[in-house]
Amino acid sequence: MEKRLSLETLNNVAEIEIVYRKKVNCKVSERPQVTSSADTYEILMHYWNQDKIELLEEFKVLFLSRSNRVLQIIPLSQGGVTGTVADPRLILATALKVNACQLILTHNHPSGSLKPSRADEELTQRIKSAAAYHDIRLLDHLIVSSEGYYSFADEGNL
């Protein structure tokens, strides 16, 4: 015997519409271009709240076009003095939403230490692997402070 779904049950399914609304009034070619970790650091310091960089840990992600132009910077999370949460699902969902081809992970250490923790290294590899499934390339992961930065790519840890 065949069971039929009621119209009420069929109407209880979410429908998704994929839309890209550009809220920046400039061409992609006019956006900042990343060619090195130093470029990334300069861009980040322009957008990072300097009153918080030594107070609490924040995690931000730069989403890039194929030509390394910054499409978007998302402040992903804000934590306490010793950590913050970076959810790989949110990072990848946003990358797909903005049609990013590449991304750069960034976070600060309020202590000023630029040495990556084991958790930093593990997260970097998890996101790199997950992004690769979607043909999205992880270019770098920067740990920043008001005095400088550590680049996973420059140090050969990517």
Protein backbone atom coordinates (compact mmCIF):
# COMPACT_ATOMS: atom_id res chain seq x y z
CA MET A 1 0.00 0.00 0.00
CA GLU A 2 1.35 3.38 -1.04
CA LYS A 3 1.41 6.17 1.57
CA ARG A 4 0.89 9.69 0.26
CA LEU A 5 2.23 12.78 1.99
CA SER A 6 -0.28 15.44 2.89
CA LEU A 7 -0.03 18.93 1.40
CA GLU A 8 0.59 20.27 4.92
CA THR A 9 3.62 17.99 5.32
CA LEU A 10 4.96 18.89 1.89
CA ASN A 11 4.78 22.60 2.74
CA ASN A 12 7.07 22.07 5.75
CA VAL A 13 10.26 22.06 3.70
CA ALA A 14 12.59 25.05 3.65
CA GLU A 15 13.41 26.47 0.24
CA ILE A 16 16.78 28.07 -0.38
CA GLU A 17 17.51 30.81 -2.89
CA ILE A 18 21.13 31.49 -3.81
CA VAL A 19 21.72 35.20 -4.32
CA TYR A 20 24.87 37.31 -4.46
CA ARG A 21 24.35 40.94 -3.49
CA LYS A 22 27.45 43.05 -3.73
CA LYS A 23 27.29 45.86 -1.19
CA VAL A 24 30.64 47.37 -2.10
CA ASN A 25 30.49 49.93 -4.89
CA CYS A 26 33.76 49.10 -6.57
CA LYS A 27 35.03 46.67 -9.15
CA VAL A 28 36.89 43.58 -7.99
CA SER A 29 40.02 45.00 -9.64
CA GLU A 30 39.84 48.00 -7.25
CA ARG A 31 39.84 45.88 -4.10
CA PRO A 32 43.01 45.23 -2.09
CA GLN A 33 45.20 42.49 -3.55
CA VAL A 34 47.19 40.08 -1.42
CA THR A 35 50.58 39.09 -2.81
CA SER A 36 52.36 38.30 0.46
CA SER A 37 51.83 37.77 4.16
CA ALA A 38 52.95 41.38 4.67
CA ASP A 39 50.03 42.54 2.48
CA THR A 40 47.64 40.46 4.56
CA TYR A 41 49.00 41.92 7.79
CA GLU A 42 48.70 45.49 6.46
CA ILE A 43 45.08 44.91 5.43
CA LEU A 44 44.24 43.28 8.75
CA MET A 45 45.75 46.07 10.83
CA HIS A 46 43.59 48.54 8.92
CA TYR A 47 40.44 46.64 9.93
CA TRP A 48 41.44 45.26 13.35
CA ASN A 49 40.25 47.19 16.38
CA GLN A 50 43.56 48.15 17.99
CA ASP A 51 41.81 48.69 21.34
CA LYS A 52 41.03 44.96 21.46
CA ILE A 53 44.08 43.30 19.89
CA GLU A 54 45.85 42.95 23.26
CA LEU A 55 42.65 42.43 25.23
CA LEU A 56 40.82 39.45 23.71
CA GLU A 57 41.29 36.84 21.02
CA GLU A 58 39.47 37.33 17.72
CA PHE A 59 39.34 35.15 14.62
CA LYS A 60 38.84 36.69 11.17
CA VAL A 61 38.86 35.22 7.68
CA LEU A 62 39.77 36.92 4.42
CA PHE A 63 37.94 35.55 1.39
CA LEU A 64 39.73 36.08 -1.90
CA SER A 65 39.04 35.93 -5.62
CA ARG A 66 41.16 33.81 -7.96
CA SER A 67 43.38 36.88 -8.49
CA ASN A 68 43.89 37.32 -4.71
CA ARG A 69 41.57 40.33 -4.43
CA VAL A 70 39.86 40.60 -1.04
CA LEU A 71 36.15 39.93 -1.51
CA GLN A 72 35.24 40.04 2.16
CA ILE A 73 36.68 39.98 5.66
CA ILE A 74 34.48 38.26 8.21
CA PRO A 75 34.97 38.67 11.95
CA LEU A 76 34.16 35.03 12.69
CA SER A 77 34.45 34.95 16.45
CA GLN A 78 35.49 36.84 19.53
CA GLY A 79 36.58 35.07 22.70
CA GLY A 80 38.39 35.74 25.90
CA VAL A 81 42.01 36.26 26.83
CA THR A 82 43.07 32.68 26.08
CA GLY A 83 40.98 31.55 23.12
CA THR A 84 38.11 31.80 20.67
CA VAL A 85 36.14 29.31 18.58
CA ALA A 86 36.58 29.06 14.82
CA ASP A 87 33.88 26.84 13.34
CA PRO A 88 35.08 25.29 10.05
CA ARG A 89 31.47 24.92 8.86
CA LEU A 90 30.87 28.67 9.14
CA ILE A 91 34.13 29.41 7.34
CA LEU A 92 33.32 27.09 4.44
CA ALA A 93 29.66 28.12 4.25
CA THR A 94 30.74 31.75 3.97
CA ALA A 95 33.44 30.93 1.41
CA LEU A 96 30.83 29.23 -0.77
CA LYS A 97 28.36 32.06 -0.26
CA VAL A 98 30.80 34.77 -1.40
CA ASN A 99 32.13 32.54 -4.20
CA ALA A 100 35.67 32.70 -2.81
CA CYS A 101 38.42 30.75 -4.55
CA GLN A 102 40.93 31.22 -1.74
CA LEU A 103 40.98 32.15 1.91
CA ILE A 104 43.33 33.30 4.64
CA LEU A 105 42.71 32.50 8.30
CA THR A 106 43.79 35.03 10.91
CA HIS A 107 43.63 35.43 14.65
CA ASN A 108 45.45 37.32 17.35
CA HIS A 109 47.09 36.23 20.57
CA PRO A 110 46.39 38.91 23.22
CA SER A 111 49.55 37.83 25.04
CA GLY A 112 51.58 39.11 22.09
CA SER A 113 53.12 35.66 21.51
CA LEU A 114 53.22 34.79 17.84
CA LYS A 115 53.96 31.10 18.39
CA PRO A 116 51.15 28.85 17.10
CA SER A 117 49.58 26.46 19.57
CA ARG A 118 48.93 22.80 18.74
CA ALA A 119 45.22 23.73 18.43
CA ASP A 120 46.13 26.45 15.89
CA GLU A 121 48.09 23.91 13.84
CA GLU A 122 45.31 21.31 13.95
CA LEU A 123 42.60 23.81 13.00
CA THR A 124 44.69 25.04 10.07
CA GLN A 125 45.07 21.52 8.69
CA ARG A 126 41.37 20.69 9.21
CA ILE A 127 40.23 23.78 7.34
CA LYS A 128 42.83 23.30 4.60
CA SER A 129 41.63 19.74 4.03
CA ALA A 130 37.93 20.63 4.14
CA ALA A 131 38.36 23.61 1.83
CA ALA A 132 40.23 21.49 -0.71
CA TYR A 133 37.10 19.34 -1.17
CA HIS A 134 35.39 22.47 -2.50
CA ASP A 135 38.32 23.58 -4.66
CA ILE A 136 39.02 26.42 -2.26
CA ARG A 137 42.67 26.98 -1.45
CA LEU A 138 43.88 27.96 2.00
CA LEU A 139 46.69 30.42 1.28
CA ASP A 140 47.82 31.18 4.82
CA HIS A 141 46.99 31.44 8.49
CA LEU A 142 48.35 34.51 10.25
CA ILE A 143 48.70 34.97 13.98
CA VAL A 144 48.85 38.71 14.56
CA SER A 145 49.72 41.18 17.27
CA SER A 146 50.17 44.95 17.28
CA GLU A 147 53.90 44.34 16.85
CA GLY A 148 54.02 41.76 14.07
CA TYR A 149 52.75 38.46 12.75
CA TYR A 150 53.49 34.78 12.22
CA SER A 151 52.65 33.28 8.82
CA PHE A 152 52.06 29.54 8.53
CA ALA A 153 52.85 29.75 4.80
CA ASP A 154 56.10 31.70 5.24
CA GLU A 155 57.25 29.22 7.89
CA GLY A 156 56.43 26.19 5.71
CA ASN A 157 53.68 24.96 8.05
CA LEU A 158 50.86 24.94 5.56
